[in-house]
Amino acid sequence: MRTVLDAWGSGPNRSNRTGGDFVRTIDHGRYLVDEVIGRGAFGITYAARDTRLRRPVAIKELFPPGCVRVGSQVVPTDAERAAEFAHLLDRFVDEAENLAQFNHPGIVRIYELIEESGTAYVVMERLTGSTLARLLSQRGGRLPVDDALRIIGEIGTALAAVHRSGLLHRDLKPDNVVITDDGRTVLVDFGAARQFRPDASSTMTQLVTPGYAPLEQYSTRSSFGPATDVYGLAATAYRMLAGQAPPAAIDRIHGVDLVPVVHVNWRVPPAVGDAIGRGLALHAGDRPQSVEAFLGQLRSRRTAVPKSDPGVSWLAGLQGLLDRARSRLPHMARPRRRPTPVRAWLPVMIGLAAIASVAPIHVAAAVAFIGLPAINAVRRTRAAYQRQQRIRGKRWHDPFGIPVALAAEAGHAIAAVATEMLEPLTITAAGVAVAIAGLSVLDDGRRPILAIRLIAAAAVVAFVVGLVRRLARNPRFPNGLAAELVAPLAADDGRLSSAGRVAWAAAVGLAVFVAVTPLWPLG
């Protein structure tokens, strides 16, 4: 797996292309450069080898725009660039000094700072693994609640150590968290880290990542403290559980609502949702004032109930259900009844069984690899496009990016379906084999076509139902996938919609068709 130290300060323009503008050796031949693994706005990150200690390392070189390499020397092109370069060099050294004071498994380790060739080099451990952002992309956008809370706890532990040293990270987001191959959760990119003084107003460079930066970071002079990083930590938790970043703080000031995470992911316990909501408070004084306090609120998501008193346990469970319902009601414009199962599901099941009785393999494959992935891809592409419009403005339009995004989402959806379908497919195939074997025994070896068609129809319906239930537990698909699929068939009051009436007509027509079809025309 590719090394990911390019996430540390390398910015969005990183590239693996090598050229003639990189060094071959550092510190008089002690470090041998293998390749460029990252290029950012202000530097180059190399994969290298420490010949003295015989270990792989990563080396960050300060090489900002406006500089050229003359021989082995990094030289600014003019006086203005020279002044800017001197300032960047001071910041680069400060960043190395900030990181070098830590010896924590959750913070990237700095081995050495080298100043030569007119610039500076930071030698650090070479991490292999994946950024949290990439992991979320691979997992369909969300993580299970327990996994997300474990990662947040590990990030928070590292962040608390940073705060105890009097530093703020100020750029906490999934791109700056690395999950290594050996299971470590490592906080990287301390380029924005700054000293802070509790209960004092200070001046800091404006640095914001929309969705993850609190409101005070939009100002160059404000009161900064651990609560500033608590906002980024809560936003990262929101991203892992909701599948999307919260709205930018500046947009929330102008009326954009923060949708509670429990409304997006019903598996999130209400207490966890409340803790994340407090961590995302716009005003720093309304947030937990330390990372430890925020993590404590997350850990208290379950109240211990003595098992010896079933009455207390029953009441606690009922209270939990009432709290969940109460937390959602204020955000609903009006109650929406679920579609009536008989009216909404029956035509779907009848139509599916009818077609499956004449072409079971075709129908199962079409549902698994065309229907469900297509619905998911369209839904996620539309949601991503709407998020971009909220960020960039309603007039923003990207006609060329839509097909690319749709194709990528379709590929991820097909992969998710292929992963989740193994269990229902195995169970269904075993059931079909047993049913056909039993039919042969009971009917002296004969297999009546009518009975075979009924078995095929029941098998496909069972397979589809099992697959939908499993996909509802996959982070890529919505938790209410089953209800979402039949929602267009019922109106708000529970009656059939026009689409529902069409579905009933189609189901009856298909049933009549297969009833008069003597053989399998498609199967």
Protein backbone atom coordinates (compact mmCIF):
# COMPACT_ATOMS: atom_id res chain seq x y z
CA MET A 1 0.00 0.00 0.00
CA ARG A 2 1.24 3.47 -0.86
CA THR A 3 2.82 5.52 1.89
CA VAL A 4 0.69 8.39 3.09
CA LEU A 5 3.08 10.85 4.64
CA ASP A 6 2.29 13.12 1.73
CA ALA A 7 -0.85 13.90 3.75
CA TRP A 8 1.39 15.83 6.15
CA GLY A 9 1.33 19.30 4.67
CA SER A 10 1.41 18.14 1.06
CA GLY A 11 -1.87 19.72 0.06
CA PRO A 12 -4.21 18.82 -2.79
CA ASN A 13 -1.65 19.01 -5.61
CA ARG A 14 0.51 16.09 -4.57
CA SER A 15 1.92 13.89 -7.27
CA ASN A 16 4.15 10.83 -7.58
CA ARG A 17 5.92 12.14 -10.67
CA THR A 18 9.64 12.48 -10.28
CA GLY A 19 11.79 14.88 -12.19
CA GLY A 20 15.18 16.45 -12.07
CA ASP A 21 14.31 18.90 -9.30
CA PHE A 22 14.70 16.57 -6.35
CA VAL A 23 17.66 15.61 -4.24
CA ARG A 24 19.41 12.26 -4.30
CA THR A 25 21.13 12.24 -0.91
CA ILE A 26 20.73 14.22 2.32
CA ASP A 27 23.06 14.81 5.27
CA HIS A 28 26.27 13.90 3.40
CA GLY A 29 24.92 10.62 2.08
CA ARG A 30 23.34 9.29 5.26
CA TYR A 31 19.84 9.40 3.72
CA LEU A 32 19.37 7.96 0.23
CA VAL A 33 16.24 9.17 -1.57
CA ASP A 34 14.21 6.44 -3.33
CA GLU A 35 11.33 8.43 -4.80
CA VAL A 36 9.06 11.43 -4.45
CA ILE A 37 5.86 10.43 -2.69
CA GLY A 38 4.26 13.85 -2.35
CA ARG A 39 4.39 17.38 -3.69
CA GLY A 40 2.53 20.16 -1.96
CA ALA A 41 2.25 23.90 -1.98
CA PHE A 42 5.46 24.42 0.03
CA GLY A 43 7.51 21.27 -0.13
CA ILE A 44 8.37 17.82 -1.40
CA THR A 45 8.07 14.58 0.57
CA TYR A 46 10.53 11.79 -0.20
CA ALA A 47 10.66 8.10 0.57
CA ALA A 48 14.21 7.49 1.74
CA ARG A 49 16.46 5.09 3.61
CA ASP A 50 18.58 5.81 6.67
CA THR A 51 21.86 4.07 5.82
CA ARG A 52 23.22 4.41 9.34
CA LEU A 53 20.25 2.92 11.25
CA ARG A 54 18.99 0.88 8.28
CA ARG A 55 15.36 1.88 8.42
CA PRO A 56 12.90 3.43 5.97
CA VAL A 57 12.05 7.08 6.60
CA ALA A 58 10.12 9.89 5.02
CA ILE A 59 11.77 13.26 4.53
CA LYS A 60 10.00 16.57 4.05
CA GLU A 61 11.93 19.26 2.15
CA LEU A 62 10.95 22.93 2.16
CA PHE A 63 10.78 23.88 -1.54
CA PRO A 64 8.14 26.60 -2.01
CA PRO A 65 7.10 28.32 -5.26
CA GLY A 66 9.52 30.98 -6.39
CA CYS A 67 12.57 28.85 -5.64
CA VAL A 68 14.84 26.91 -7.98
CA ARG A 69 17.48 24.29 -7.44
CA VAL A 70 20.97 25.35 -8.47
CA GLY A 71 23.11 22.26 -8.13
CA SER A 72 22.15 21.03 -4.67
CA GLN A 73 21.15 24.48 -3.36
CA VAL A 74 17.54 25.76 -3.05
CA VAL A 75 17.66 29.42 -4.10
CA PRO A 76 14.86 32.06 -4.18
CA THR A 77 14.51 33.76 -7.55
CA ASP A 78 14.40 37.36 -6.26
CA ALA A 79 14.55 39.51 -3.12
CA GLU A 80 10.80 39.39 -2.52
CA ARG A 81 10.84 35.62 -2.75
CA ALA A 82 13.85 35.53 -0.43
CA ALA A 83 11.95 37.37 2.33
CA GLU A 84 8.97 35.06 1.92
CA PHE A 85 11.23 32.01 1.92
CA ALA A 86 12.91 33.13 5.17
CA HIS A 87 9.49 33.42 6.81
CA LEU A 88 8.44 29.97 5.55
CA LEU A 89 11.71 28.49 6.78
CA ASP A 90 11.03 29.77 10.29
CA ARG A 91 7.53 28.26 10.21
CA PHE A 92 8.89 24.98 8.83
CA VAL A 93 11.41 24.71 11.66
CA ASP A 94 8.72 25.61 14.21
CA GLU A 95 6.53 22.82 12.88
CA ALA A 96 9.35 20.32 13.26
CA GLU A 97 10.06 21.52 16.80
CA ASN A 98 6.38 21.25 17.69
CA LEU A 99 6.22 17.67 16.49
CA ALA A 100 9.59 16.56 17.87
CA GLN A 101 8.53 17.12 21.48
CA PHE A 102 5.96 14.31 21.29
CA ASN A 103 6.54 10.61 21.81
CA HIS A 104 3.01 9.37 21.37
CA PRO A 105 1.77 6.49 19.17
CA GLY A 106 -1.00 8.73 17.88
CA ILE A 107 1.35 11.50 16.66
CA VAL A 108 3.72 11.14 13.72
CA ARG A 109 7.30 10.82 15.04
CA ILE A 110 10.07 13.23 14.09
CA TYR A 111 13.60 11.81 14.02
CA GLU A 112 15.75 14.73 12.96
CA LEU A 113 15.85 18.28 11.57
CA ILE A 114 18.56 18.98 9.01
CA GLU A 115 19.43 22.41 7.65
CA GLU A 116 21.54 22.25 4.51
CA SER A 117 21.52 23.17 0.82
CA GLY A 118 19.92 26.50 1.66
CA THR A 119 16.75 24.91 3.01
CA ALA A 120 15.59 22.47 5.75
CA TYR A 121 14.64 18.80 5.87
CA VAL A 122 12.51 17.01 8.46
CA VAL A 123 13.20 13.29 8.82
CA MET A 124 10.21 11.38 10.16
CA GLU A 125 8.79 7.89 10.39
CA ARG A 126 7.38 6.50 7.18
CA LEU A 127 3.75 5.54 7.70
CA THR A 128 2.04 2.95 5.53
CA GLY A 129 -1.71 2.70 5.51
CA SER A 130 -4.58 4.94 4.50
CA THR A 131 -5.95 8.30 5.48
CA LEU A 132 -9.28 8.29 7.25
CA ALA A 133 -10.75 10.15 4.28
CA ARG A 134 -9.71 7.39 1.91
CA LEU A 135 -10.94 4.71 4.31
CA LEU A 136 -14.35 6.39 4.42
CA SER A 137 -14.45 6.50 0.64
CA GLN A 138 -13.63 2.79 0.46
CA ARG A 139 -16.25 1.92 3.10
CA GLY A 140 -19.08 3.76 1.38
CA GLY A 141 -18.87 7.02 3.30
CA ARG A 142 -19.69 5.85 6.83
CA LEU A 143 -18.29 3.60 9.52
CA PRO A 144 -20.09 1.46 12.11
CA VAL A 145 -20.76 3.36 15.33
CA ASP A 146 -18.33 1.35 17.46
CA ASP A 147 -15.50 1.69 14.92
CA ALA A 148 -16.09 5.43 14.56
CA LEU A 149 -16.11 5.99 18.33
CA ARG A 150 -12.93 3.93 18.73
CA ILE A 151 -11.12 6.04 16.12
CA ILE A 152 -12.41 9.27 17.69
CA GLY A 153 -11.16 8.08 21.07
CA GLU A 154 -7.69 7.38 19.68
CA ILE A 155 -7.55 10.74 17.89
CA GLY A 156 -8.78 12.47 21.03
CA THR A 157 -6.09 10.84 23.17
CA ALA A 158 -3.38 12.16 20.83
CA LEU A 159 -5.05 15.56 20.66
CA ALA A 160 -5.19 15.80 24.45
CA ALA A 161 -1.41 15.25 24.56
CA VAL A 162 -1.00 18.08 22.04
CA HIS A 163 -3.12 20.40 24.20
CA ARG A 164 -1.20 19.56 27.36
CA SER A 165 1.91 20.89 25.65
CA GLY A 166 0.18 24.20 24.98
CA LEU A 167 -0.44 23.62 21.26
CA LEU A 168 -3.56 23.60 19.09
CA HIS A 169 -3.68 21.47 15.94
CA ARG A 170 -6.22 23.76 14.19
CA ASP A 171 -6.69 21.54 11.11
CA LEU A 172 -8.32 18.35 12.33
CA LYS A 173 -10.14 16.52 9.52
CA PRO A 174 -10.20 13.00 7.98
CA ASP A 175 -7.41 13.92 5.53
CA ASN A 176 -5.07 14.54 8.49
CA VAL A 177 -5.70 11.23 10.24
CA VAL A 178 -3.84 8.10 9.12
CA ILE A 179 -4.91 4.53 9.90
CA THR A 180 -1.69 2.56 9.59
CA ASP A 181 -1.33 -1.03 8.48
CA ASP A 182 -0.37 -2.04 12.01
CA GLY A 183 -3.55 -0.58 13.49
CA ARG A 184 -2.35 2.80 14.77
CA THR A 185 -4.48 5.91 14.40
CA VAL A 186 -2.01 8.74 13.80
CA LEU A 187 -2.60 12.48 13.76
CA VAL A 188 -0.54 14.20 11.04
CA ASP A 189 -0.08 17.62 9.43
CA PHE A 190 0.94 20.01 12.20
CA GLY A 191 1.63 22.81 9.76
CA ALA A 192 -1.15 24.90 11.29
CA ALA A 193 -0.30 24.11 14.93
CA ARG A 194 0.15 27.16 17.14
CA GLN A 195 0.73 27.99 20.78
CA PHE A 196 -2.30 29.18 22.73
CA ARG A 197 -2.91 30.89 26.05
CA PRO A 198 -6.02 29.89 27.97
CA ASP A 199 -8.58 32.65 28.59
CA ALA A 200 -6.75 35.11 26.34
CA SER A 201 -7.40 36.58 22.95
CA SER A 202 -4.66 35.98 20.44
CA THR A 203 -3.80 36.60 16.81
CA MET A 204 -3.43 33.59 14.52
CA THR A 205 -3.23 33.09 10.78
CA GLN A 206 -6.66 32.50 9.30
CA LEU A 207 -6.92 28.83 8.34
CA VAL A 208 -10.23 27.14 7.59
CA THR A 209 -11.43 23.87 6.12
CA PRO A 210 -15.18 24.30 5.50
CA GLY A 211 -17.15 21.91 7.67
CA TYR A 212 -14.30 21.22 10.10
CA ALA A 213 -13.18 24.70 11.18
CA PRO A 214 -15.08 26.43 14.02
CA LEU A 215 -16.41 29.95 13.69
CA GLU A 216 -13.51 31.53 15.59
CA GLN A 217 -11.01 30.34 12.97
CA TYR A 218 -12.69 32.56 10.39
CA SER A 219 -11.28 35.48 12.38
CA THR A 220 -7.60 36.34 12.62
CA ARG A 221 -8.03 37.52 16.22
CA SER A 222 -10.23 35.64 18.64
CA SER A 223 -10.15 33.47 21.74
CA PHE A 224 -8.60 30.12 20.89
CA GLY A 225 -8.32 27.08 23.11
CA PRO A 226 -8.93 23.32 23.25
CA ALA A 227 -12.57 23.92 22.31
CA THR A 228 -11.30 24.99 18.88
CA ASP A 229 -9.97 21.49 18.24
CA VAL A 230 -13.02 19.92 19.90
CA TYR A 231 -15.08 21.34 17.04
CA GLY A 232 -12.82 19.63 14.46
CA LEU A 233 -12.95 16.37 16.42
CA ALA A 234 -16.76 16.50 16.62
CA ALA A 235 -16.96 17.35 12.90
CA THR A 236 -14.78 14.33 12.10
CA ALA A 237 -17.07 12.14 14.21
CA TYR A 238 -20.08 13.58 12.36
CA ARG A 239 -18.42 12.78 9.02
CA MET A 240 -17.76 9.17 10.00
CA LEU A 241 -21.30 8.57 11.26
CA ALA A 242 -23.40 10.71 8.89
CA GLY A 243 -21.46 10.07 5.69
CA GLN A 244 -20.98 13.79 5.04
CA ALA A 245 -19.26 16.75 6.65
CA PRO A 246 -21.38 19.21 8.65
CA PRO A 247 -22.17 22.55 6.99
CA ALA A 248 -19.48 25.22 7.21
CA ALA A 249 -19.73 27.26 10.41
CA ILE A 250 -19.99 30.50 8.41
CA ASP A 251 -22.96 29.05 6.49
CA ARG A 252 -24.67 28.00 9.71
CA ILE A 253 -24.44 31.60 10.92
CA HIS A 254 -26.43 32.57 7.82
CA GLY A 255 -29.21 30.05 8.43
CA VAL A 256 -28.02 26.68 7.10
CA ASP A 257 -29.26 24.01 9.51
CA LEU A 258 -27.04 21.36 11.04
CA VAL A 259 -29.00 18.13 10.64
CA PRO A 260 -28.54 16.05 13.84
CA VAL A 261 -26.51 12.95 13.16
CA VAL A 262 -29.25 10.72 14.62
CA HIS A 263 -31.56 11.88 11.83
CA VAL A 264 -29.08 10.74 9.19
CA ASN A 265 -28.01 7.48 10.88
CA TRP A 266 -30.58 5.89 13.18
CA ARG A 267 -27.95 3.51 14.61
CA VAL A 268 -26.26 6.39 16.45
CA PRO A 269 -27.36 6.41 20.12
CA PRO A 270 -29.15 9.64 21.09
CA ALA A 271 -26.53 10.44 23.77
CA VAL A 272 -23.75 10.20 21.15
CA GLY A 273 -25.71 12.46 18.82
CA ASP A 274 -26.20 14.98 21.62
CA ALA A 275 -22.46 14.92 22.47
CA ILE A 276 -21.52 15.53 18.83
CA GLY A 277 -24.07 18.33 18.62
CA ARG A 278 -22.55 20.04 21.67
CA GLY A 279 -19.08 19.63 20.20
CA LEU A 280 -20.32 21.41 17.05
CA ALA A 281 -21.77 24.38 18.89
CA LEU A 282 -21.05 27.59 17.01
CA HIS A 283 -19.83 29.49 20.07
CA ALA A 284 -16.74 28.09 21.74
CA GLY A 285 -18.17 28.60 25.24
CA ASP A 286 -21.05 26.23 24.46
CA ARG A 287 -18.73 23.34 23.58
CA PRO A 288 -16.91 20.99 25.97
CA GLN A 289 -13.84 22.92 27.08
CA SER A 290 -11.44 20.01 26.77
CA VAL A 291 -11.04 16.92 24.64
CA GLU A 292 -11.31 14.77 27.76
CA ALA A 293 -14.72 16.27 28.55
CA PHE A 294 -15.93 15.64 25.00
CA LEU A 295 -14.71 12.03 25.02
CA GLY A 296 -16.34 11.53 28.42
CA GLN A 297 -19.70 12.60 26.98
CA LEU A 298 -19.27 10.15 24.09
CA ARG A 299 -18.37 7.27 26.42
CA SER A 300 -21.43 7.88 28.59
CA ARG A 301 -23.70 6.94 25.68
CA ARG A 302 -25.02 3.91 27.52
CA THR A 303 -26.41 4.03 31.05
CA ALA A 304 -25.73 0.90 33.03
CA VAL A 305 -28.95 -0.78 34.19
CA PRO A 306 -28.88 -3.51 36.87
CA LYS A 307 -29.83 -6.80 35.23
CA SER A 308 -31.42 -8.04 38.43
CA ASP A 309 -34.40 -5.69 38.08
CA PRO A 310 -36.33 -6.49 34.86
CA GLY A 311 -38.78 -3.68 35.57
CA VAL A 312 -36.03 -1.08 35.62
CA SER A 313 -34.52 -2.56 32.43
CA TRP A 314 -37.91 -2.44 30.66
CA LEU A 315 -38.51 1.16 31.75
CA ALA A 316 -35.02 2.19 30.67
CA GLY A 317 -35.58 0.66 27.23
CA LEU A 318 -38.92 2.43 26.89
CA GLN A 319 -37.36 5.71 28.00
CA GLY A 320 -34.65 5.29 25.35
CA LEU A 321 -37.27 4.86 22.63
CA LEU A 322 -39.17 7.92 23.85
CA ASP A 323 -35.97 10.00 23.94
CA ARG A 324 -35.14 8.99 20.38
CA ALA A 325 -38.63 9.89 19.17
CA ARG A 326 -38.59 13.18 21.08
CA SER A 327 -35.20 14.14 19.62
CA ARG A 328 -36.57 13.81 16.10
CA LEU A 329 -40.00 15.40 16.40
CA PRO A 330 -38.93 19.09 16.55
CA HIS A 331 -37.15 18.76 13.22
CA MET A 332 -40.11 17.25 11.34
CA ALA A 333 -42.38 19.54 9.43
CA ARG A 334 -45.22 17.03 9.80
CA PRO A 335 -45.47 13.34 10.69
CA ARG A 336 -45.13 11.00 7.75
CA ARG A 337 -46.72 7.59 7.99
CA ARG A 338 -44.86 4.62 6.69
CA PRO A 339 -46.31 3.02 3.56
CA THR A 340 -48.85 0.32 4.38
CA PRO A 341 -46.96 -2.96 3.93
CA VAL A 342 -49.82 -4.80 2.20
CA ARG A 343 -50.49 -2.02 -0.27
CA ALA A 344 -46.88 -1.12 -0.98
CA TRP A 345 -45.01 -4.40 -0.73
CA LEU A 346 -47.52 -6.85 -2.20
CA PRO A 347 -47.38 -5.63 -5.83
CA VAL A 348 -43.59 -5.62 -5.69
CA MET A 349 -43.48 -9.16 -4.36
CA ILE A 350 -46.12 -10.40 -6.83
CA GLY A 351 -44.33 -8.84 -9.81
CA LEU A 352 -40.92 -10.11 -8.67
CA ALA A 353 -42.24 -13.64 -8.11
CA ALA A 354 -44.08 -13.66 -11.44
CA ILE A 355 -41.03 -12.68 -13.50
CA ALA A 356 -38.73 -14.93 -11.44
CA SER A 357 -40.95 -17.94 -12.16
CA VAL A 358 -40.05 -17.72 -15.86
CA ALA A 359 -36.49 -16.32 -15.62
CA PRO A 360 -35.11 -16.71 -12.09
CA ILE A 361 -31.41 -16.26 -12.85
CA HIS A 362 -32.01 -13.24 -15.06
CA VAL A 363 -34.19 -11.54 -12.46
CA ALA A 364 -31.86 -12.19 -9.52
CA ALA A 365 -28.85 -10.91 -11.49
CA ALA A 366 -30.72 -7.82 -12.71
CA VAL A 367 -31.86 -6.87 -9.21
CA ALA A 368 -28.44 -7.51 -7.64
CA PHE A 369 -26.18 -5.95 -10.26
CA ILE A 370 -28.38 -3.42 -12.03
CA GLY A 371 -31.42 -2.33 -10.03
CA LEU A 372 -30.08 -1.85 -6.50
CA PRO A 373 -26.66 -0.42 -7.54
CA ALA A 374 -28.32 1.96 -10.00
CA ILE A 375 -30.72 3.30 -7.37
CA ASN A 376 -27.87 3.74 -4.90
CA ALA A 377 -25.55 5.39 -7.44
CA VAL A 378 -28.20 7.90 -8.54
CA ARG A 379 -29.11 8.70 -4.94
CA ARG A 380 -25.52 9.29 -3.82
CA THR A 381 -24.57 11.25 -6.93
CA ARG A 382 -27.57 13.54 -6.48
CA ALA A 383 -26.73 14.03 -2.78
CA ALA A 384 -23.08 14.85 -3.57
CA TYR A 385 -24.14 17.29 -6.28
CA GLN A 386 -26.55 19.04 -3.93
CA ARG A 387 -23.80 19.34 -1.29
CA GLN A 388 -21.54 20.98 -3.85
CA GLN A 389 -24.31 23.42 -4.77
CA ARG A 390 -24.76 24.36 -1.12
CA ILE A 391 -21.02 25.04 -0.88
CA ARG A 392 -20.44 26.69 -4.26
CA GLY A 393 -23.85 28.30 -4.82
CA LYS A 394 -27.03 27.23 -6.60
CA ARG A 395 -25.71 28.43 -9.97
CA TRP A 396 -22.82 25.98 -9.86
CA HIS A 397 -23.11 23.26 -12.48
CA ASP A 398 -20.72 20.57 -13.66
CA PRO A 399 -22.25 18.58 -16.55
CA PHE A 400 -19.00 16.73 -17.26
CA GLY A 401 -18.41 15.61 -13.70
CA ILE A 402 -21.85 14.04 -13.22
CA PRO A 403 -21.30 10.98 -15.50
CA VAL A 404 -17.88 10.36 -13.97
CA ALA A 405 -19.26 10.59 -10.42
CA LEU A 406 -22.22 8.36 -11.35
CA ALA A 407 -19.94 5.71 -12.87
CA ALA A 408 -17.70 5.74 -9.78
CA GLU A 409 -20.67 5.46 -7.43
CA ALA A 410 -22.12 2.62 -9.53
CA GLY A 411 -18.84 0.73 -9.31
CA HIS A 412 -18.70 1.10 -5.52
CA ALA A 413 -22.36 0.05 -5.24
CA ILE A 414 -21.83 -3.08 -7.35
CA ALA A 415 -18.82 -3.99 -5.21
CA ALA A 416 -20.90 -3.53 -2.03
CA VAL A 417 -23.71 -5.71 -3.42
CA ALA A 418 -21.23 -8.40 -4.46
CA THR A 419 -19.84 -8.43 -0.93
CA GLU A 420 -23.20 -8.55 0.83
CA MET A 421 -24.94 -11.08 -1.46
CA LEU A 422 -22.77 -14.08 -0.59
CA GLU A 423 -24.70 -15.11 2.52
CA PRO A 424 -28.28 -14.79 1.13
CA LEU A 425 -27.17 -16.45 -2.12
CA THR A 426 -25.65 -19.41 -0.27
CA ILE A 427 -28.70 -19.88 1.94
CA THR A 428 -31.11 -19.56 -0.98
CA ALA A 429 -29.14 -21.99 -3.19
CA ALA A 430 -29.06 -24.53 -0.37
CA GLY A 431 -32.81 -24.17 0.12
CA VAL A 432 -33.49 -24.63 -3.61
CA ALA A 433 -31.32 -27.75 -3.73
CA VAL A 434 -33.15 -29.28 -0.76
CA ALA A 435 -36.57 -28.36 -2.20
CA ILE A 436 -35.85 -29.86 -5.63
CA ALA A 437 -34.34 -32.98 -4.09
CA GLY A 438 -37.39 -33.42 -1.90
CA LEU A 439 -39.68 -32.88 -4.88
CA SER A 440 -37.87 -35.60 -6.85
CA VAL A 441 -38.17 -38.07 -3.98
CA LEU A 442 -41.86 -37.39 -3.38
CA ASP A 443 -42.74 -37.58 -7.07
CA ASP A 444 -40.66 -40.65 -8.02
CA GLY A 445 -37.93 -38.69 -9.74
CA ARG A 446 -40.20 -36.43 -11.77
CA ARG A 447 -39.96 -32.65 -11.46
CA PRO A 448 -43.24 -30.98 -12.49
CA ILE A 449 -42.60 -27.64 -14.17
CA LEU A 450 -45.26 -25.87 -12.09
CA ALA A 451 -43.62 -26.86 -8.82
CA ILE A 452 -40.17 -25.91 -10.15
CA ARG A 453 -41.46 -22.49 -11.16
CA LEU A 454 -42.97 -21.95 -7.71
CA ILE A 455 -39.66 -22.91 -6.09
CA ALA A 456 -37.77 -20.55 -8.39
CA ALA A 457 -40.14 -17.68 -7.63
CA ALA A 458 -39.90 -18.24 -3.87
CA ALA A 459 -36.11 -18.53 -4.05
CA VAL A 460 -35.63 -15.24 -5.91
CA VAL A 461 -38.01 -13.38 -3.59
CA ALA A 462 -36.19 -14.78 -0.53
CA PHE A 463 -32.81 -13.88 -2.05
CA VAL A 464 -33.85 -10.30 -2.82
CA VAL A 465 -35.40 -9.78 0.62
CA GLY A 466 -32.28 -11.14 2.33
CA LEU A 467 -30.02 -9.02 0.16
CA VAL A 468 -31.98 -5.84 0.88
CA ARG A 469 -31.88 -6.53 4.62
CA ARG A 470 -28.10 -7.00 4.52
CA LEU A 471 -27.54 -3.91 2.38
CA ALA A 472 -29.49 -1.85 4.92
CA ARG A 473 -26.65 -2.58 7.34
CA ASN A 474 -23.98 -1.50 4.84
CA PRO A 475 -22.68 2.07 5.35
CA ARG A 476 -23.08 2.83 1.63
CA PHE A 477 -26.82 2.15 1.63
CA PRO A 478 -29.47 3.96 3.72
CA ASN A 479 -30.66 2.29 6.91
CA GLY A 480 -34.25 2.49 5.69
CA LEU A 481 -33.45 0.95 2.29
CA ALA A 482 -36.50 -1.32 2.27
CA ALA A 483 -38.94 1.47 3.07
CA GLU A 484 -37.18 3.80 0.62
CA LEU A 485 -37.63 1.34 -2.26
CA VAL A 486 -41.42 1.21 -1.89
CA ALA A 487 -41.95 4.79 -0.66
CA PRO A 488 -43.03 6.05 -4.14
CA LEU A 489 -45.90 3.53 -4.12
CA ALA A 490 -47.73 5.14 -1.18
CA ALA A 491 -48.86 8.69 -0.50
CA ASP A 492 -48.33 10.59 2.74
CA ASP A 493 -51.61 9.33 4.19
CA GLY A 494 -50.74 5.68 3.54
CA ARG A 495 -52.97 5.27 0.50
CA LEU A 496 -51.70 4.12 -2.85
CA SER A 497 -50.09 6.77 -5.00
CA SER A 498 -50.44 6.87 -8.78
CA ALA A 499 -47.18 4.90 -9.01
CA GLY A 500 -48.63 2.37 -6.58
CA ARG A 501 -51.71 1.87 -8.73
CA VAL A 502 -49.52 1.37 -11.80
CA ALA A 503 -47.45 -1.16 -9.82
CA TRP A 504 -50.60 -3.10 -8.89
CA ALA A 505 -51.76 -3.15 -12.52
CA ALA A 506 -48.35 -4.35 -13.69
CA ALA A 507 -48.23 -7.04 -10.98
CA VAL A 508 -51.66 -8.40 -11.94
CA GLY A 509 -50.72 -8.37 -15.62
CA LEU A 510 -47.48 -10.24 -14.96
CA ALA A 511 -49.31 -12.81 -12.82
CA VAL A 512 -51.78 -13.46 -15.64
CA PHE A 513 -48.95 -13.74 -18.14
CA VAL A 514 -47.01 -16.38 -16.21
CA ALA A 515 -50.21 -18.28 -15.40
CA VAL A 516 -50.81 -18.98 -19.10
CA THR A 517 -47.13 -19.58 -19.98
CA PRO A 518 -46.66 -23.36 -20.15
CA LEU A 519 -42.83 -23.36 -20.36
CA TRP A 520 -39.95 -21.18 -19.28
CA PRO A 521 -39.59 -18.73 -22.18
CA LEU A 522 -36.58 -16.93 -20.69
CA GLY A 523 -35.03 -19.30 -18.21
